[in-house]
mmCIF file of all heavy atoms, coordinates in Angstrom:
data_MODEL
# 
_entry.id   MODEL 
# 
loop_
_atom_site.group_PDB 
_atom_site.id 
_atom_site.type_symbol 
_atom_site.label_atom_id 
_atom_site.label_alt_id 
_atom_site.label_comp_id 
_atom_site.label_asym_id 
_atom_site.label_entity_id 
_atom_site.label_seq_id 
_atom_site.pdbx_PDB_ins_code 
_atom_site.Cartn_x 
_atom_site.Cartn_y 
_atom_site.Cartn_z 
_atom_site.occupancy 
_atom_site.B_iso_or_equiv 
_atom_site.pdbx_formal_charge 
_atom_site.auth_seq_id 
_atom_site.auth_comp_id 
_atom_site.auth_asym_id 
_atom_site.auth_atom_id 
_atom_site.pdbx_PDB_model_num 
ATOM 1   N N   . TRP A 1 1  ? 104.555 97.569  97.833  1.00 0.00 ? 1  TRP A N   1 
ATOM 2   C CA  . TRP A 1 1  ? 104.561 97.670  99.299  1.00 0.00 ? 1  TRP A CA  1 
ATOM 3   C C   . TRP A 1 1  ? 103.396 96.861  99.836  1.00 0.00 ? 1  TRP A C   1 
ATOM 4   O O   . TRP A 1 1  ? 102.349 96.769  99.189  1.00 0.00 ? 1  TRP A O   1 
ATOM 5   C CB  . TRP A 1 1  ? 104.429 99.121  99.743  1.00 0.00 ? 1  TRP A CB  1 
ATOM 6   C CG  . TRP A 1 1  ? 103.956 99.259  101.161 1.00 0.00 ? 1  TRP A CG  1 
ATOM 7   C CD1 . TRP A 1 1  ? 104.709 99.174  102.303 1.00 0.00 ? 1  TRP A CD1 1 
ATOM 8   C CD2 . TRP A 1 1  ? 102.607 99.468  101.596 1.00 0.00 ? 1  TRP A CD2 1 
ATOM 9   N NE1 . TRP A 1 1  ? 103.921 99.322  103.416 1.00 0.00 ? 1  TRP A NE1 1 
ATOM 10  C CE2 . TRP A 1 1  ? 102.622 99.501  103.012 1.00 0.00 ? 1  TRP A CE2 1 
ATOM 11  C CE3 . TRP A 1 1  ? 101.383 99.623  100.935 1.00 0.00 ? 1  TRP A CE3 1 
ATOM 12  C CZ2 . TRP A 1 1  ? 101.467 99.681  103.765 1.00 0.00 ? 1  TRP A CZ2 1 
ATOM 13  C CZ3 . TRP A 1 1  ? 100.233 99.801  101.690 1.00 0.00 ? 1  TRP A CZ3 1 
ATOM 14  C CH2 . TRP A 1 1  ? 100.290 99.827  103.086 1.00 0.00 ? 1  TRP A CH2 1 
ATOM 15  N N   . GLU A 1 2  ? 103.594 96.274  101.017 1.00 0.00 ? 2  GLU A N   1 
ATOM 16  C CA  . GLU A 1 2  ? 102.490 95.611  101.718 1.00 0.00 ? 2  GLU A CA  1 
ATOM 17  C C   . GLU A 1 2  ? 102.665 95.849  103.214 1.00 0.00 ? 2  GLU A C   1 
ATOM 18  O O   . GLU A 1 2  ? 103.787 95.833  103.740 1.00 0.00 ? 2  GLU A O   1 
ATOM 19  C CB  . GLU A 1 2  ? 102.456 94.117  101.401 1.00 0.00 ? 2  GLU A CB  1 
ATOM 20  C CG  . GLU A 1 2  ? 103.741 93.380  101.700 1.00 0.00 ? 2  GLU A CG  1 
ATOM 21  C CD  . GLU A 1 2  ? 103.733 91.952  101.188 1.00 0.00 ? 2  GLU A CD  1 
ATOM 22  O OE1 . GLU A 1 2  ? 102.678 91.510  100.713 1.00 0.00 ? 2  GLU A OE1 1 
ATOM 23  O OE2 . GLU A 1 2  ? 104.783 91.303  101.273 1.00 0.00 ? 2  GLU A OE2 1 
ATOM 24  N N   . ALA A 1 3  ? 101.538 96.065  103.888 1.00 0.00 ? 3  ALA A N   1 
ATOM 25  C CA  . ALA A 1 3  ? 101.581 96.354  105.319 1.00 0.00 ? 3  ALA A CA  1 
ATOM 26  C C   . ALA A 1 3  ? 102.013 95.142  106.132 1.00 0.00 ? 3  ALA A C   1 
ATOM 27  O O   . ALA A 1 3  ? 102.638 95.280  107.185 1.00 0.00 ? 3  ALA A O   1 
ATOM 28  C CB  . ALA A 1 3  ? 100.212 96.848  105.786 1.00 0.00 ? 3  ALA A CB  1 
ATOM 29  N N   . ALA A 1 4  ? 101.698 93.942  105.661 1.00 0.00 ? 4  ALA A N   1 
ATOM 30  C CA  . ALA A 1 4  ? 101.996 92.725  106.430 1.00 0.00 ? 4  ALA A CA  1 
ATOM 31  C C   . ALA A 1 4  ? 103.482 92.625  106.760 1.00 0.00 ? 4  ALA A C   1 
ATOM 32  O O   . ALA A 1 4  ? 103.866 92.314  107.899 1.00 0.00 ? 4  ALA A O   1 
ATOM 33  C CB  . ALA A 1 4  ? 101.537 91.500  105.655 1.00 0.00 ? 4  ALA A CB  1 
ATOM 34  N N   . SER A 1 5  ? 104.330 92.901  105.790 1.00 0.00 ? 5  SER A N   1 
ATOM 35  C CA  . SER A 1 5  ? 105.777 92.869  106.017 1.00 0.00 ? 5  SER A CA  1 
ATOM 36  C C   . SER A 1 5  ? 106.338 94.262  106.298 1.00 0.00 ? 5  SER A C   1 
ATOM 37  O O   . SER A 1 5  ? 107.408 94.395  106.894 1.00 0.00 ? 5  SER A O   1 
ATOM 38  C CB  . SER A 1 5  ? 106.495 92.285  104.798 1.00 0.00 ? 5  SER A CB  1 
ATOM 39  O OG  . SER A 1 5  ? 106.365 93.161  103.690 1.00 0.00 ? 5  SER A OG  1 
ATOM 40  N N   . GLY A 1 6  ? 105.628 95.289  105.837 1.00 0.00 ? 6  GLY A N   1 
ATOM 41  C CA  . GLY A 1 6  ? 106.115 96.655  105.964 1.00 0.00 ? 6  GLY A CA  1 
ATOM 42  C C   . GLY A 1 6  ? 107.192 97.011  104.965 1.00 0.00 ? 6  GLY A C   1 
ATOM 43  O O   . GLY A 1 6  ? 107.776 98.090  105.046 1.00 0.00 ? 6  GLY A O   1 
ATOM 44  N N   . LEU A 1 7  ? 107.458 96.124  103.996 1.00 0.00 ? 7  LEU A N   1 
ATOM 45  C CA  . LEU A 1 7  ? 108.583 96.320  103.085 1.00 0.00 ? 7  LEU A CA  1 
ATOM 46  C C   . LEU A 1 7  ? 108.145 96.933  101.757 1.00 0.00 ? 7  LEU A C   1 
ATOM 47  O O   . LEU A 1 7  ? 107.077 96.624  101.227 1.00 0.00 ? 7  LEU A O   1 
ATOM 48  C CB  . LEU A 1 7  ? 109.287 94.992  102.817 1.00 0.00 ? 7  LEU A CB  1 
ATOM 49  C CG  . LEU A 1 7  ? 109.873 94.272  104.037 1.00 0.00 ? 7  LEU A CG  1 
ATOM 50  C CD1 . LEU A 1 7  ? 110.531 92.967  103.609 1.00 0.00 ? 7  LEU A CD1 1 
ATOM 51  C CD2 . LEU A 1 7  ? 110.866 95.163  104.774 1.00 0.00 ? 7  LEU A CD2 1 
ATOM 52  N N   . ALA A 1 8  ? 109.008 97.806  101.236 1.00 0.00 ? 8  ALA A N   1 
ATOM 53  C CA  . ALA A 1 8  ? 108.821 98.398  99.907  1.00 0.00 ? 8  ALA A CA  1 
ATOM 54  C C   . ALA A 1 8  ? 109.944 97.920  99.000  1.00 0.00 ? 8  ALA A C   1 
ATOM 55  O O   . ALA A 1 8  ? 111.029 97.553  99.458  1.00 0.00 ? 8  ALA A O   1 
ATOM 56  C CB  . ALA A 1 8  ? 108.818 99.914  99.987  1.00 0.00 ? 8  ALA A CB  1 
ATOM 57  N N   . GLN A 1 9  ? 109.655 97.926  97.689  1.00 0.00 ? 9  GLN A N   1 
ATOM 58  C CA  . GLN A 1 9  ? 110.653 97.510  96.714  1.00 0.00 ? 9  GLN A CA  1 
ATOM 59  C C   . GLN A 1 9  ? 110.447 98.304  95.434  1.00 0.00 ? 9  GLN A C   1 
ATOM 60  O O   . GLN A 1 9  ? 109.313 98.654  95.077  1.00 0.00 ? 9  GLN A O   1 
ATOM 61  C CB  . GLN A 1 9  ? 110.542 96.010  96.420  1.00 0.00 ? 9  GLN A CB  1 
ATOM 62  C CG  . GLN A 1 9  ? 111.655 95.444  95.542  1.00 0.00 ? 9  GLN A CG  1 
ATOM 63  C CD  . GLN A 1 9  ? 111.587 93.924  95.446  1.00 0.00 ? 9  GLN A CD  1 
ATOM 64  O OE1 . GLN A 1 9  ? 110.527 93.329  95.585  1.00 0.00 ? 9  GLN A OE1 1 
ATOM 65  N NE2 . GLN A 1 9  ? 112.718 93.289  95.207  1.00 0.00 ? 9  GLN A NE2 1 
ATOM 66  N N   . LEU A 1 10 ? 111.532 98.589  94.750  1.00 0.00 ? 10 LEU A N   1 
ATOM 67  C CA  . LEU A 1 10 ? 111.481 99.287  93.469  1.00 0.00 ? 10 LEU A CA  1 
ATOM 68  C C   . LEU A 1 10 ? 112.006 98.368  92.376  1.00 0.00 ? 10 LEU A C   1 
ATOM 69  O O   . LEU A 1 10 ? 113.002 97.658  92.574  1.00 0.00 ? 10 LEU A O   1 
ATOM 70  C CB  . LEU A 1 10 ? 112.336 100.557 93.510  1.00 0.00 ? 10 LEU A CB  1 
ATOM 71  C CG  . LEU A 1 10 ? 112.233 101.398 92.236  1.00 0.00 ? 10 LEU A CG  1 
ATOM 72  C CD1 . LEU A 1 10 ? 111.039 102.334 92.324  1.00 0.00 ? 10 LEU A CD1 1 
ATOM 73  C CD2 . LEU A 1 10 ? 113.502 102.189 91.981  1.00 0.00 ? 10 LEU A CD2 1 
ATOM 74  N N   . TRP A 1 11 ? 111.309 98.382  91.245  1.00 0.00 ? 11 TRP A N   1 
ATOM 75  C CA  . TRP A 1 11 ? 111.743 97.624  90.072  1.00 0.00 ? 11 TRP A CA  1 
ATOM 76  C C   . TRP A 1 11 ? 111.973 98.621  88.942  1.00 0.00 ? 11 TRP A C   1 
ATOM 77  O O   . TRP A 1 11 ? 111.088 99.410  88.607  1.00 0.00 ? 11 TRP A O   1 
ATOM 78  C CB  . TRP A 1 11 ? 110.684 96.616  89.641  1.00 0.00 ? 11 TRP A CB  1 
ATOM 79  C CG  . TRP A 1 11 ? 110.436 95.511  90.626  1.00 0.00 ? 11 TRP A CG  1 
ATOM 80  C CD1 . TRP A 1 11 ? 109.804 95.598  91.834  1.00 0.00 ? 11 TRP A CD1 1 
ATOM 81  C CD2 . TRP A 1 11 ? 110.817 94.146  90.474  1.00 0.00 ? 11 TRP A CD2 1 
ATOM 82  N NE1 . TRP A 1 11 ? 109.762 94.378  92.445  1.00 0.00 ? 11 TRP A NE1 1 
ATOM 83  C CE2 . TRP A 1 11 ? 110.380 93.451  91.627  1.00 0.00 ? 11 TRP A CE2 1 
ATOM 84  C CE3 . TRP A 1 11 ? 111.477 93.429  89.473  1.00 0.00 ? 11 TRP A CE3 1 
ATOM 85  C CZ2 . TRP A 1 11 ? 110.580 92.088  91.803  1.00 0.00 ? 11 TRP A CZ2 1 
ATOM 86  C CZ3 . TRP A 1 11 ? 111.678 92.069  89.643  1.00 0.00 ? 11 TRP A CZ3 1 
ATOM 87  C CH2 . TRP A 1 11 ? 111.230 91.407  90.803  1.00 0.00 ? 11 TRP A CH2 1 
ATOM 88  N N   . LEU A 1 12 ? 113.164 98.596  88.336  1.00 0.00 ? 12 LEU A N   1 
ATOM 89  C CA  . LEU A 1 12 ? 113.480 99.470  87.211  1.00 0.00 ? 12 LEU A CA  1 
ATOM 90  C C   . LEU A 1 12 ? 113.775 98.606  85.993  1.00 0.00 ? 12 LEU A C   1 
ATOM 91  O O   . LEU A 1 12 ? 114.710 97.802  86.006  1.00 0.00 ? 12 LEU A O   1 
ATOM 92  C CB  . LEU A 1 12 ? 114.684 100.361 87.543  1.00 0.00 ? 12 LEU A CB  1 
ATOM 93  C CG  . LEU A 1 12 ? 115.051 101.390 86.472  1.00 0.00 ? 12 LEU A CG  1 
ATOM 94  C CD1 . LEU A 1 12 ? 113.947 102.438 86.329  1.00 0.00 ? 12 LEU A CD1 1 
ATOM 95  C CD2 . LEU A 1 12 ? 116.386 102.062 86.790  1.00 0.00 ? 12 LEU A CD2 1 
ATOM 96  N N   . ASN A 1 13 ? 112.938 98.759  84.967  1.00 0.00 ? 13 ASN A N   1 
ATOM 97  C CA  . ASN A 1 13 ? 113.085 97.992  83.725  1.00 0.00 ? 13 ASN A CA  1 
ATOM 98  C C   . ASN A 1 13 ? 113.130 96.491  83.987  1.00 0.00 ? 13 ASN A C   1 
ATOM 99  O O   . ASN A 1 13 ? 113.911 95.744  83.377  1.00 0.00 ? 13 ASN A O   1 
ATOM 100 C CB  . ASN A 1 13 ? 114.337 98.444  82.965  1.00 0.00 ? 13 ASN A CB  1 
ATOM 101 C CG  . ASN A 1 13 ? 114.297 99.916  82.630  1.00 0.00 ? 13 ASN A CG  1 
ATOM 102 O OD1 . ASN A 1 13 ? 113.246 100.457 82.293  1.00 0.00 ? 13 ASN A OD1 1 
ATOM 103 N ND2 . ASN A 1 13 ? 115.426 100.591 82.758  1.00 0.00 ? 13 ASN A ND2 1 
ATOM 104 N N   . GLY A 1 14 ? 112.288 96.042  84.915  1.00 0.00 ? 14 GLY A N   1 
ATOM 105 C CA  . GLY A 1 14 ? 112.164 94.621  85.216  1.00 0.00 ? 14 GLY A CA  1 
ATOM 106 C C   . GLY A 1 14 ? 113.209 94.081  86.160  1.00 0.00 ? 14 GLY A C   1 
ATOM 107 O O   . GLY A 1 14 ? 113.187 92.889  86.477  1.00 0.00 ? 14 GLY A O   1 
ATOM 108 N N   . GLN A 1 15 ? 114.116 94.949  86.643  1.00 0.00 ? 15 GLN A N   1 
ATOM 109 C CA  . GLN A 1 15 ? 115.175 94.508  87.550  1.00 0.00 ? 15 GLN A CA  1 
ATOM 110 C C   . GLN A 1 15 ? 114.852 94.964  88.971  1.00 0.00 ? 15 GLN A C   1 
ATOM 111 O O   . GLN A 1 15 ? 114.546 96.134  89.192  1.00 0.00 ? 15 GLN A O   1 
ATOM 112 C CB  . GLN A 1 15 ? 116.526 95.075  87.111  1.00 0.00 ? 15 GLN A CB  1 
ATOM 113 C CG  . GLN A 1 15 ? 116.952 94.606  85.735  1.00 0.00 ? 15 GLN A CG  1 
ATOM 114 C CD  . GLN A 1 15 ? 117.084 93.092  85.641  1.00 0.00 ? 15 GLN A CD  1 
ATOM 115 O OE1 . GLN A 1 15 ? 117.694 92.445  86.488  1.00 0.00 ? 15 GLN A OE1 1 
ATOM 116 N NE2 . GLN A 1 15 ? 116.466 92.520  84.609  1.00 0.00 ? 15 GLN A NE2 1 
ATOM 117 N N   . PRO A 1 16 ? 114.959 94.079  89.977  1.00 0.00 ? 16 PRO A N   1 
ATOM 118 C CA  . PRO A 1 16 ? 114.544 94.436  91.337  1.00 0.00 ? 16 PRO A CA  1 
ATOM 119 C C   . PRO A 1 16 ? 115.640 95.130  92.131  1.00 0.00 ? 16 PRO A C   1 
ATOM 120 O O   . PRO A 1 16 ? 116.831 94.944  91.893  1.00 0.00 ? 16 PRO A O   1 
ATOM 121 C CB  . PRO A 1 16 ? 114.241 93.066  91.951  1.00 0.00 ? 16 PRO A CB  1 
ATOM 122 C CG  . PRO A 1 16 ? 115.199 92.130  91.254  1.00 0.00 ? 16 PRO A CG  1 
ATOM 123 C CD  . PRO A 1 16 ? 115.323 92.648  89.846  1.00 0.00 ? 16 PRO A CD  1 
ATOM 124 N N   . SER A 1 17 ? 115.195 95.912  93.089  1.00 0.00 ? 17 SER A N   1 
ATOM 125 C CA  . SER A 1 17 ? 116.074 96.445  94.127  1.00 0.00 ? 17 SER A CA  1 
ATOM 126 C C   . SER A 1 17 ? 116.016 95.512  95.331  1.00 0.00 ? 17 SER A C   1 
ATOM 127 O O   . SER A 1 17 ? 115.278 94.519  95.338  1.00 0.00 ? 17 SER A O   1 
ATOM 128 C CB  . SER A 1 17 ? 115.579 97.825  94.560  1.00 0.00 ? 17 SER A CB  1 
ATOM 129 O OG  . SER A 1 17 ? 114.361 97.671  95.297  1.00 0.00 ? 17 SER A OG  1 
ATOM 130 N N   . SER A 1 18 ? 116.775 95.840  96.358  1.00 0.00 ? 18 SER A N   1 
ATOM 131 C CA  . SER A 1 18 ? 116.566 95.208  97.656  1.00 0.00 ? 18 SER A CA  1 
ATOM 132 C C   . SER A 1 18 ? 115.199 95.623  98.190  1.00 0.00 ? 18 SER A C   1 
ATOM 133 O O   . SER A 1 18 ? 114.674 96.677  97.828  1.00 0.00 ? 18 SER A O   1 
ATOM 134 C CB  . SER A 1 18 ? 117.647 95.647  98.645  1.00 0.00 ? 18 SER A CB  1 
ATOM 135 O OG  . SER A 1 18 ? 118.920 95.236  98.216  1.00 0.00 ? 18 SER A OG  1 
ATOM 136 N N   . ARG A 1 19 ? 114.636 94.788  99.081  1.00 0.00 ? 19 ARG A N   1 
ATOM 137 C CA  . ARG A 1 19 ? 113.394 95.167  99.761  1.00 0.00 ? 19 ARG A CA  1 
ATOM 138 C C   . ARG A 1 19 ? 113.771 95.871  101.060 1.00 0.00 ? 19 ARG A C   1 
ATOM 139 O O   . ARG A 1 19 ? 114.659 95.422  101.783 1.00 0.00 ? 19 ARG A O   1 
ATOM 140 C CB  . ARG A 1 19 ? 112.529 93.933  100.026 1.00 0.00 ? 19 ARG A CB  1 
ATOM 141 C CG  . ARG A 1 19 ? 112.119 93.220  98.742  1.00 0.00 ? 19 ARG A CG  1 
ATOM 142 C CD  . ARG A 1 19 ? 111.213 92.035  99.022  1.00 0.00 ? 19 ARG A CD  1 
ATOM 143 N NE  . ARG A 1 19 ? 109.891 92.474  99.405  1.00 0.00 ? 19 ARG A NE  1 
ATOM 144 C CZ  . ARG A 1 19 ? 109.070 91.775  100.197 1.00 0.00 ? 19 ARG A CZ  1 
ATOM 145 N NH1 . ARG A 1 19 ? 109.458 90.632  100.711 1.00 0.00 ? 19 ARG A NH1 1 
ATOM 146 N NH2 . ARG A 1 19 ? 107.871 92.238  100.491 1.00 0.00 ? 19 ARG A NH2 1 
ATOM 147 N N   . LYS A 1 20 ? 113.106 96.996  101.344 1.00 0.00 ? 20 LYS A N   1 
ATOM 148 C CA  . LYS A 1 20 ? 113.512 97.836  102.467 1.00 0.00 ? 20 LYS A CA  1 
ATOM 149 C C   . LYS A 1 20 ? 112.315 98.212  103.326 1.00 0.00 ? 20 LYS A C   1 
ATOM 150 O O   . LYS A 1 20 ? 111.185 98.317  102.833 1.00 0.00 ? 20 LYS A O   1 
ATOM 151 C CB  . LYS A 1 20 ? 114.209 99.100  101.955 1.00 0.00 ? 20 LYS A CB  1 
ATOM 152 C CG  . LYS A 1 20 ? 115.495 98.796  101.189 1.00 0.00 ? 20 LYS A CG  1 
ATOM 153 C CD  . LYS A 1 20 ? 116.291 100.048 100.900 1.00 0.00 ? 20 LYS A CD  1 
ATOM 154 C CE  . LYS A 1 20 ? 117.619 99.699  100.232 1.00 0.00 ? 20 LYS A CE  1 
ATOM 155 N NZ  . LYS A 1 20 ? 118.452 100.892 100.016 1.00 0.00 ? 20 LYS A NZ  1 
ATOM 156 N N   . PRO A 1 21 ? 112.534 98.453  104.636 1.00 0.00 ? 21 PRO A N   1 
ATOM 157 C CA  . PRO A 1 21 ? 111.427 98.792  105.538 1.00 0.00 ? 21 PRO A CA  1 
ATOM 158 C C   . PRO A 1 21 ? 110.774 100.117 105.165 1.00 0.00 ? 21 PRO A C   1 
ATOM 159 O O   . PRO A 1 21 ? 111.460 101.096 104.859 1.00 0.00 ? 21 PRO A O   1 
ATOM 160 C CB  . PRO A 1 21 ? 112.104 98.892  106.912 1.00 0.00 ? 21 PRO A CB  1 
ATOM 161 C CG  . PRO A 1 21 ? 113.391 98.155  106.772 1.00 0.00 ? 21 PRO A CG  1 
ATOM 162 C CD  . PRO A 1 21 ? 113.808 98.315  105.354 1.00 0.00 ? 21 PRO A CD  1 
ATOM 163 N N   . ALA A 1 22 ? 109.443 100.132 105.207 1.00 0.00 ? 22 ALA A N   1 
ATOM 164 C CA  . ALA A 1 22 ? 108.678 101.357 104.950 1.00 0.00 ? 22 ALA A CA  1 
ATOM 165 C C   . ALA A 1 22 ? 107.656 101.561 106.068 1.00 0.00 ? 22 ALA A C   1 
ATOM 166 O O   . ALA A 1 22 ? 107.947 102.195 107.064 1.00 0.00 ? 22 ALA A O   1 
ATOM 167 C CB  . ALA A 1 22 ? 108.016 101.301 103.583 1.00 0.00 ? 22 ALA A CB  1 
ATOM 168 N N   . SER A 1 23 ? 106.460 100.971 105.951 1.00 0.00 ? 23 SER A N   1 
ATOM 169 C CA  . SER A 1 23 ? 105.420 101.148 106.964 1.00 0.00 ? 23 SER A CA  1 
ATOM 170 C C   . SER A 1 23 ? 104.597 99.877  107.091 1.00 0.00 ? 23 SER A C   1 
ATOM 171 O O   . SER A 1 23 ? 104.340 99.198  106.094 1.00 0.00 ? 23 SER A O   1 
ATOM 172 C CB  . SER A 1 23 ? 104.498 102.313 106.597 1.00 0.00 ? 23 SER A CB  1 
ATOM 173 O OG  . SER A 1 23 ? 103.412 102.402 107.493 1.00 0.00 ? 23 SER A OG  1 
ATOM 174 N N   . LYS A 1 24 ? 104.171 99.574  108.312 1.00 0.00 ? 24 LYS A N   1 
ATOM 175 C CA  . LYS A 1 24 ? 103.283 98.436  108.561 1.00 0.00 ? 24 LYS A CA  1 
ATOM 176 C C   . LYS A 1 24 ? 101.841 98.883  108.797 1.00 0.00 ? 24 LYS A C   1 
ATOM 177 O O   . LYS A 1 24 ? 101.002 98.079  109.182 1.00 0.00 ? 24 LYS A O   1 
ATOM 178 C CB  . LYS A 1 24 ? 103.788 97.620  109.760 1.00 0.00 ? 24 LYS A CB  1 
ATOM 179 C CG  . LYS A 1 24 ? 105.086 96.876  109.479 1.00 0.00 ? 24 LYS A CG  1 
ATOM 180 C CD  . LYS A 1 24 ? 105.439 95.907  110.603 1.00 0.00 ? 24 LYS A CD  1 
ATOM 181 C CE  . LYS A 1 24 ? 106.647 95.059  110.232 1.00 0.00 ? 24 LYS A CE  1 
ATOM 182 N NZ  . LYS A 1 24 ? 106.963 94.051  111.275 1.00 0.00 ? 24 LYS A NZ  1 
ATOM 183 N N   . SER A 1 25 ? 101.559 100.158 108.551 1.00 0.00 ? 25 SER A N   1 
ATOM 184 C CA  . SER A 1 25 ? 100.200 100.687 108.721 1.00 0.00 ? 25 SER A CA  1 
ATOM 185 C C   . SER A 1 25 ? 99.534  100.873 107.364 1.00 0.00 ? 25 SER A C   1 
ATOM 186 O O   . SER A 1 25 ? 100.201 101.187 106.370 1.00 0.00 ? 25 SER A O   1 
ATOM 187 C CB  . SER A 1 25 ? 100.238 102.033 109.451 1.00 0.00 ? 25 SER A CB  1 
ATOM 188 O OG  . SER A 1 25 ? 100.786 101.888 110.742 1.00 0.00 ? 25 SER A OG  1 
ATOM 189 N N   . ASN A 1 26 ? 98.225  100.682 107.331 1.00 0.00 ? 26 ASN A N   1 
ATOM 190 C CA  . ASN A 1 26 ? 97.479  100.882 106.093 1.00 0.00 ? 26 ASN A CA  1 
ATOM 191 C C   . ASN A 1 26 ? 97.539  102.340 105.637 1.00 0.00 ? 26 ASN A C   1 
ATOM 192 O O   . ASN A 1 26 ? 97.704  103.260 106.450 1.00 0.00 ? 26 ASN A O   1 
ATOM 193 C CB  . ASN A 1 26 ? 96.014  100.481 106.279 1.00 0.00 ? 26 ASN A CB  1 
ATOM 194 C CG  . ASN A 1 26 ? 95.813  98.976  106.287 1.00 0.00 ? 26 ASN A CG  1 
ATOM 195 O OD1 . ASN A 1 26 ? 96.762  98.218  106.467 1.00 0.00 ? 26 ASN A OD1 1 
ATOM 196 N ND2 . ASN A 1 26 ? 94.576  98.553  106.119 1.00 0.00 ? 26 ASN A ND2 1 
# 
């Protein structure tokens, strides 16, 4: 996750998910 984009992502066994909105605050 990073605040700059606000996007979170999950990786399972080296394979990525879609990136999805989470939070833009620290």
